Amino acid sequence: MSIRGSAPNSLKNAGRRVVRSLARPTAAFRMMPNFIVAGGSRCGTTSLHRALMTHPGILPPILNKGVHYFDIDFLRGENWYRSHFPLSAVADRRTASVPNAPMCFESSGYYMHHPLAAERIAQTLPGVRLVVMLRDPIERAYSAYKHEFARGFETVDSFERALELEPGRLAGEVAKIRANPGYVSHAHRHQSYVDRGQYVQQVRRLIDLFGPNRVHVMFSEDFFATPEQEYERLLSFLDLPIVHAPAYEQHNARRRSPMAEATLSRLTAHFEPYDAALADVLGRTPSWRR
């Protein structure tokens, strides 16, 4: 384990604050993202992010994978956001040999689901492209529950009970977020298991805002089954050359016990109309429904 990886979170956060404070005075000379991996959470976005980082024409944020500006830190202002990205002059030198480079990006899994993030992105970054990774919504929901429980953001020790509580937990939260731009909803961010998997509503909003040519939708199952092919399609969407094939690894995966058959059947029926509507919007069947 690296020294950086083993450092306590308090020390890491302090270091990040120092770096951002030093970067803010040069914000005007820093890049802004050309594309954003906007979600979804627990869909393989960390693995995709790390694959993209290996491309010599693509530059990640200087600190975190996800900046979370457009969902939970929007009130910090644009200079704060810019302070997370490389200096334009440095980026130009590092990517001089790559056509259509440099390109800068970030990956924040909550952007697609947050009720205000897409509009904020469209207003702040005209011309930006969005990449979306979608996973079987049942697997995504179960994985999210296990992940949030392990981190202490979920306190109920039963997936089925968490599903029962979800509608009550989420009731009125979107209205609160829209009414108060500084409000961060714990339930909406950490305890939305089924609602996040109703992808068609979120994807349709992105396409309406950015247009179909600026939204690239990938399926996690395809990415991990044929990563080279999916990676090449993504680079084509970004107008970047294929320079090399990165090592494709699965990150942040958690082992979990099998889901109860009754729960699986209920969720399969619940998501069926949403998946069918998603297929209509995308013009192709989601990988988990083939």
Foldseek 3Di string as FASTA:
>chain_A
DDPVVPDDPVVLVVVVVVLLVVQLVVLVQFDDAQEEAAAAPPQQVVLVLVQQCPDQQEHEFPRDLAPCCLAANVVVDDSSVSSRGGGPVVQCVSNVPWPPGNGYYHYDNCQLVQPGRLVVCCVPPPNHFYEYEAEDLVVSLVQLVVVCVVVVLDDDPDSVVLVVCLVVLCPPVNVVCVVDVNDDRSCSVRSHRLVVNLNLVSVVVNCVRRNPLRYHYHYSVCCVVPVVVVVVVVCVSVVTDCDDRDDRDRPPGDDDDDDDPVVVVVSCVVCVVSQVSNCVVVVHHHPVVD
